[in-house]
Amino acid sequence: MIILDTLVIGGLRFVLRRIAEAVDAQLDDVEAIRESLLAAQMRLELGEMTEAEFAAVERELLARMREIRERTTGAASGGGRVIGIDVSVADDVAGQSPDGPRGR
């Protein structure tokens, strides 16, 4: 009986994990958010939604898109923080120091 319980719990855990992964993928899908925004725009044009309702939906969807993009670009660029800057200056006047006076 313990083996059967372990198999059932393991199977249930597997299914729930897959469902959670699918939900996360759907929430992070920019194309799905764009489609939702387009659907809301169509509902507005058909008169099924007021301007205020559309503005609220649009604000929420655009915020989600921005959050996803910031998360994906932040992860790709190492957190989006500037660690240091390397600057070099080249003088276009031959024979003079960059710190000295320039010939006019």
Protein backbone atom coordinates (compact mmCIF):
# COMPACT_ATOMS: atom_id res chain seq x y z
CA MET A 1 0.00 0.00 0.00
CA ILE A 2 2.93 2.35 0.72
CA ILE A 3 4.30 1.82 -2.80
CA LEU A 4 0.93 2.69 -4.31
CA ASP A 5 0.67 5.84 -2.20
CA THR A 6 4.19 6.85 -3.21
CA LEU A 7 3.38 6.34 -6.90
CA VAL A 8 0.15 8.32 -6.66
CA ILE A 9 1.81 11.19 -4.79
CA GLY A 10 4.77 11.18 -7.18
CA GLY A 11 2.46 11.22 -10.20
CA LEU A 12 0.36 14.00 -8.74
CA ARG A 13 3.48 16.02 -7.95
CA PHE A 14 4.69 15.55 -11.56
CA VAL A 15 1.37 16.72 -13.02
CA LEU A 16 1.18 19.75 -10.74
CA ARG A 17 4.77 20.70 -11.57
CA ARG A 18 3.98 20.56 -15.30
CA ILE A 19 0.87 22.70 -14.79
CA ALA A 20 2.88 25.27 -12.84
CA GLU A 21 5.51 25.40 -15.61
CA ALA A 22 2.81 25.89 -18.26
CA VAL A 23 1.23 28.71 -16.27
CA ASP A 24 4.60 30.42 -15.79
CA ALA A 25 5.32 30.13 -19.51
CA GLN A 26 1.91 31.61 -20.34
CA LEU A 27 2.40 34.49 -17.92
CA ASP A 28 5.81 35.29 -19.43
CA ASP A 29 4.62 35.07 -23.04
CA VAL A 30 4.75 38.56 -24.56
CA GLU A 31 2.82 37.40 -27.64
CA ALA A 32 -0.09 36.20 -25.48
CA ILE A 33 -0.15 39.59 -23.75
CA ARG A 34 -0.17 41.35 -27.15
CA GLU A 35 -3.09 39.18 -28.24
CA SER A 36 -4.96 40.09 -25.05
CA LEU A 37 -4.32 43.77 -25.72
CA LEU A 38 -5.56 43.40 -29.29
CA ALA A 39 -8.68 41.59 -28.06
CA ALA A 40 -9.37 44.38 -25.58
CA GLN A 41 -8.95 46.94 -28.35
CA MET A 42 -11.45 45.05 -30.51
CA ARG A 43 -13.92 44.94 -27.61
CA LEU A 44 -13.52 48.70 -27.24
CA GLU A 45 -14.21 49.28 -30.93
CA LEU A 46 -17.26 47.02 -30.82
CA GLY A 47 -18.63 48.91 -27.84
CA GLU A 48 -18.35 45.96 -25.44
CA MET A 49 -15.95 47.92 -23.22
CA THR A 50 -15.78 51.52 -22.06
CA GLU A 51 -12.75 53.77 -22.48
CA ALA A 52 -12.04 53.59 -18.75
CA GLU A 53 -12.16 49.78 -18.72
CA PHE A 54 -9.87 49.64 -21.75
CA ALA A 55 -7.42 52.08 -20.16
CA ALA A 56 -7.23 49.90 -17.04
CA VAL A 57 -6.69 46.71 -19.07
CA GLU A 58 -4.13 48.42 -21.30
CA ARG A 59 -2.21 49.79 -18.30
CA GLU A 60 -2.07 46.35 -16.67
CA LEU A 61 -1.01 44.53 -19.84
CA LEU A 62 1.66 47.07 -20.76
CA ALA A 63 3.05 46.92 -17.22
CA ARG A 64 3.28 43.12 -17.48
CA MET A 65 5.04 43.38 -20.85
CA ARG A 66 7.50 45.93 -19.44
CA GLU A 67 8.17 43.72 -16.41
CA ILE A 68 8.85 40.68 -18.59
CA ARG A 69 11.18 42.62 -20.88
CA GLU A 70 13.08 44.13 -17.95
CA ARG A 71 13.45 40.71 -16.37
CA THR A 72 14.68 39.08 -19.59
CA THR A 73 17.04 41.89 -20.59
CA GLY A 74 18.26 42.29 -17.00
CA ALA A 75 19.10 38.59 -16.80
CA ALA A 76 20.90 38.70 -20.16
CA SER A 77 23.00 41.74 -19.28
CA GLY A 78 23.99 40.68 -15.78
CA GLY A 79 21.40 42.54 -13.76
CA GLY A 80 21.45 45.82 -15.66
CA ARG A 81 23.98 47.47 -13.33
CA VAL A 82 27.01 49.44 -14.46
CA ILE A 83 30.11 48.05 -12.80
CA GLY A 84 32.70 50.40 -14.25
CA ILE A 85 33.57 52.62 -17.18
CA ASP A 86 36.75 52.57 -19.24
CA VAL A 87 37.52 55.89 -20.93
CA SER A 88 40.41 56.73 -23.23
CA VAL A 89 41.04 60.10 -24.86
CA ALA A 90 42.96 60.59 -28.06
CA ASP A 91 44.35 64.02 -28.92
CA ASP A 92 44.02 65.06 -32.53
CA VAL A 93 47.01 67.42 -32.41
CA ALA A 94 50.29 65.57 -32.90
CA GLY A 95 53.05 66.10 -30.38
CA GLN A 96 50.94 67.74 -27.65
CA SER A 97 49.88 66.31 -24.35
CA PRO A 98 46.13 65.87 -23.86
CA ASP A 99 46.50 67.73 -20.54
CA GLY A 100 48.44 70.65 -21.97
CA PRO A 101 47.19 73.74 -23.89
CA ARG A 102 46.03 73.21 -27.43
CA GLY A 103 47.46 75.07 -30.34
CA ARG A 104 45.01 77.42 -32.00
